[in-house]
Amino acid sequence: MNEVIYDNYQECCVINKEFKEYPNANFDNYIDNVDTYIKAKEKREYVPPEEPTEEEKLLNKINEIMVANDEQIADIKDAMLVAVLTDDTELQAELKQEYASVIENTNNKLQEVKIND
């Protein structure tokens, strides 16, 4: 459909230079729903996301740190389970030190976030 003329004053309906019956139920329905179509179009249009607040930025940094911490701790726990089951006391001692180091590094990173913000 390229060209539509729907004229209530002259009571005519022309579609692609071809006269159609007037009134035309299809076009009457479109006209009646113009406001609905406009509102639907507004909902579909892209609206850029709002810039995160300072609090949201801070929480995102903290979440990133904690996710990395949780991943490292999970790996250490898995390795510790194997070390305990195989009675590898040397590996257990190394993993305890690694665990303490991860906790200390995480705490330092969290303190940096608090100091910088």
C-alpha atoms as a PDB file:
ATOM      1  CA  MET A   1       0.000   0.000   0.000  1.00  0.00           C
ATOM      2  CA  ASN A   2       1.665   3.206  -1.179  1.00  0.00           C
ATOM      3  CA  GLU A   3      -1.034   5.843  -1.281  1.00  0.00           C
ATOM      4  CA  VAL A   4      -4.266   6.139   0.664  1.00  0.00           C
ATOM      5  CA  ILE A   5      -6.771   8.952   0.513  1.00  0.00           C
ATOM      6  CA  TYR A   6      -9.629   8.684   2.963  1.00  0.00           C
ATOM      7  CA  ASP A   7     -11.701  11.817   2.773  1.00  0.00           C
ATOM      8  CA  ASN A   8     -14.712  12.196   5.072  1.00  0.00           C
ATOM      9  CA  TYR A   9     -15.680  15.528   3.475  1.00  0.00           C
ATOM     10  CA  GLN A  10     -15.927  14.161  -0.078  1.00  0.00           C
ATOM     11  CA  GLU A  11     -16.821  10.700   1.194  1.00  0.00           C
ATOM     12  CA  CYS A  12     -14.297   8.802  -0.858  1.00  0.00           C
ATOM     13  CA  CYS A  13     -11.665   6.151  -0.300  1.00  0.00           C
ATOM     14  CA  VAL A  14      -8.801   5.885  -2.823  1.00  0.00           C
ATOM     15  CA  ILE A  15      -6.063   3.270  -2.461  1.00  0.00           C
ATOM     16  CA  ASN A  16      -3.187   3.335  -4.977  1.00  0.00           C
ATOM     17  CA  LYS A  17      -5.327   5.468  -7.345  1.00  0.00           C
ATOM     18  CA  GLU A  18      -8.186   2.973  -7.211  1.00  0.00           C
ATOM     19  CA  PHE A  19     -11.524   3.994  -5.717  1.00  0.00           C
ATOM     20  CA  LYS A  20     -12.848   1.704  -2.988  1.00  0.00           C
ATOM     21  CA  GLU A  21     -16.172   1.649  -1.207  1.00  0.00           C
ATOM     22  CA  TYR A  22     -16.837   4.387   1.318  1.00  0.00           C
ATOM     23  CA  PRO A  23     -17.104   4.090   4.243  1.00  0.00           C
ATOM     24  CA  ASN A  24     -14.364   1.510   4.472  1.00  0.00           C
ATOM     25  CA  ALA A  25     -14.478  -0.479   7.742  1.00  0.00           C
ATOM     26  CA  ASN A  26     -10.746  -1.207   7.699  1.00  0.00           C
ATOM     27  CA  PHE A  27      -9.745   2.437   7.428  1.00  0.00           C
ATOM     28  CA  ASP A  28     -12.401   3.594   9.857  1.00  0.00           C
ATOM     29  CA  ASN A  29     -10.899   1.171  12.363  1.00  0.00           C
ATOM     30  CA  TYR A  30      -7.347   2.473  11.692  1.00  0.00           C
ATOM     31  CA  ILE A  31      -8.494   6.055  12.127  1.00  0.00           C
ATOM     32  CA  ASP A  32     -10.349   5.231  15.347  1.00  0.00           C
ATOM     33  CA  ASN A  33      -7.191   3.631  16.762  1.00  0.00           C
ATOM     34  CA  VAL A  34      -4.626   6.268  15.755  1.00  0.00           C
ATOM     35  CA  ASP A  35      -4.030   7.272  19.403  1.00  0.00           C
ATOM     36  CA  THR A  36      -3.438   3.642  20.359  1.00  0.00           C
ATOM     37  CA  TYR A  37      -0.924   3.227  17.507  1.00  0.00           C
ATOM     38  CA  ILE A  38       0.933   6.389  18.501  1.00  0.00           C
ATOM     39  CA  LYS A  39       1.170   5.263  22.142  1.00  0.00           C
ATOM     40  CA  ALA A  40       2.408   1.829  21.049  1.00  0.00           C
ATOM     41  CA  LYS A  41       5.049   3.459  18.841  1.00  0.00           C
ATOM     42  CA  GLU A  42       6.249   5.588  21.758  1.00  0.00           C
ATOM     43  CA  LYS A  43       6.674   2.433  23.864  1.00  0.00           C
ATOM     44  CA  ARG A  44       8.754   0.791  21.111  1.00  0.00           C
ATOM     45  CA  GLU A  45      11.059   3.753  20.566  1.00  0.00           C
ATOM     46  CA  TYR A  46      14.524   3.503  22.088  1.00  0.00           C
ATOM     47  CA  VAL A  47      15.070   5.458  25.252  1.00  0.00           C
ATOM     48  CA  PRO A  48      18.710   5.533  26.330  1.00  0.00           C
ATOM     49  CA  PRO A  49      19.311   4.160  29.823  1.00  0.00           C
ATOM     50  CA  GLU A  50      19.796   6.634  32.600  1.00  0.00           C
ATOM     51  CA  GLU A  51      23.311   7.189  33.891  1.00  0.00           C
ATOM     52  CA  PRO A  52      23.767   5.111  37.058  1.00  0.00           C
ATOM     53  CA  THR A  53      23.792   7.052  40.319  1.00  0.00           C
ATOM     54  CA  GLU A  54      26.934   7.227  42.426  1.00  0.00           C
ATOM     55  CA  GLU A  55      25.393   4.723  44.828  1.00  0.00           C
ATOM     56  CA  GLU A  56      24.672   2.301  41.957  1.00  0.00           C
ATOM     57  CA  LYS A  57      28.241   2.685  40.668  1.00  0.00           C
ATOM     58  CA  LEU A  58      29.569   1.940  44.146  1.00  0.00           C
ATOM     59  CA  LEU A  59      27.343  -1.129  44.498  1.00  0.00           C
ATOM     60  CA  ASN A  60      28.435  -2.367  41.056  1.00  0.00           C
ATOM     61  CA  LYS A  61      32.106  -2.102  42.052  1.00  0.00           C
ATOM     62  CA  ILE A  62      31.429  -3.933  45.308  1.00  0.00           C
ATOM     63  CA  ASN A  63      29.476  -6.646  43.474  1.00  0.00           C
ATOM     64  CA  GLU A  64      32.327  -7.134  40.985  1.00  0.00           C
ATOM     65  CA  ILE A  65      34.792  -7.555  43.837  1.00  0.00           C
ATOM     66  CA  MET A  66      32.529  -9.991  45.670  1.00  0.00           C
ATOM     67  CA  VAL A  67      31.854 -12.102  42.560  1.00  0.00           C
ATOM     68  CA  ALA A  68      35.594 -12.470  41.975  1.00  0.00           C
ATOM     69  CA  ASN A  69      36.039 -13.301  45.673  1.00  0.00           C
ATOM     70  CA  ASP A  70      33.298 -15.934  45.601  1.00  0.00           C
ATOM     71  CA  GLU A  71      34.810 -17.601  42.524  1.00  0.00           C
ATOM     72  CA  GLN A  72      38.270 -17.760  44.111  1.00  0.00           C
ATOM     73  CA  ILE A  73      36.907 -19.066  47.414  1.00  0.00           C
ATOM     74  CA  ALA A  74      34.852 -21.742  45.625  1.00  0.00           C
ATOM     75  CA  ASP A  75      37.988 -22.948  43.815  1.00  0.00           C
ATOM     76  CA  ILE A  76      39.918 -23.067  47.093  1.00  0.00           C
ATOM     77  CA  LYS A  77      37.115 -24.989  48.808  1.00  0.00           C
ATOM     78  CA  ASP A  78      37.044 -27.559  45.998  1.00  0.00           C
ATOM     79  CA  ALA A  79      40.812 -28.002  46.211  1.00  0.00           C
ATOM     80  CA  MET A  80      40.643 -28.237  50.015  1.00  0.00           C
ATOM     81  CA  LEU A  81      38.092 -31.021  49.798  1.00  0.00           C
ATOM     82  CA  VAL A  82      40.434 -33.022  47.602  1.00  0.00           C
ATOM     83  CA  ALA A  83      43.381 -32.243  49.913  1.00  0.00           C
ATOM     84  CA  VAL A  84      41.434 -33.433  52.968  1.00  0.00           C
ATOM     85  CA  LEU A  85      40.183 -36.572  51.228  1.00  0.00           C
ATOM     86  CA  THR A  86      43.709 -37.447  50.073  1.00  0.00           C
ATOM     87  CA  ASP A  87      45.193 -36.478  53.449  1.00  0.00           C
ATOM     88  CA  ASP A  88      47.567 -34.010  51.745  1.00  0.00           C
ATOM     89  CA  THR A  89      48.471 -31.799  54.707  1.00  0.00           C
ATOM     90  CA  GLU A  90      51.004 -29.774  52.726  1.00  0.00           C
ATOM     91  CA  LEU A  91      48.358 -28.772  50.180  1.00  0.00           C
ATOM     92  CA  GLN A  92      45.915 -28.031  53.016  1.00  0.00           C
ATOM     93  CA  ALA A  93      48.403 -25.590  54.556  1.00  0.00           C
ATOM     94  CA  GLU A  94      48.978 -23.897  51.177  1.00  0.00           C
ATOM     95  CA  LEU A  95      45.238 -23.586  50.592  1.00  0.00           C
ATOM     96  CA  LYS A  96      44.717 -22.069  54.054  1.00  0.00           C
ATOM     97  CA  GLN A  97      47.331 -19.430  53.221  1.00  0.00           C
ATOM     98  CA  GLU A  98      45.761 -18.818  49.814  1.00  0.00           C
ATOM     99  CA  TYR A  99      42.338 -18.469  51.442  1.00  0.00           C
ATOM    100  CA  ALA A 100      43.672 -15.908  53.938  1.00  0.00           C
ATOM    101  CA  SER A 101      45.349 -14.026  51.083  1.00  0.00           C
ATOM    102  CA  VAL A 102      42.135 -13.905  49.039  1.00  0.00           C
ATOM    103  CA  ILE A 103      40.172 -12.615  52.035  1.00  0.00           C
ATOM    104  CA  GLU A 104      42.815  -9.975  52.754  1.00  0.00           C
ATOM    105  CA  ASN A 105      42.940  -8.855  49.105  1.00  0.00           C
ATOM    106  CA  THR A 106      39.153  -8.666  48.958  1.00  0.00           C
ATOM    107  CA  ASN A 107      39.024  -6.574  52.116  1.00  0.00           C
ATOM    108  CA  ASN A 108      41.720  -4.242  50.736  1.00  0.00           C
ATOM    109  CA  LYS A 109      39.803  -3.805  47.476  1.00  0.00           C
ATOM    110  CA  LEU A 110      36.604  -3.070  49.390  1.00  0.00           C
ATOM    111  CA  GLN A 111      38.437  -0.494  51.496  1.00  0.00           C
ATOM    112  CA  GLU A 112      39.778   1.160  48.312  1.00  0.00           C
ATOM    113  CA  VAL A 113      36.256   1.449  46.950  1.00  0.00           C
ATOM    114  CA  LYS A 114      35.087   3.107  50.172  1.00  0.00           C
ATOM    115  CA  ILE A 115      38.091   5.483  50.225  1.00  0.00           C
ATOM    116  CA  ASN A 116      37.787   6.476  46.553  1.00  0.00           C
ATOM    117  CA  ASP A 117      34.049   7.091  46.781  1.00  0.00           C
END
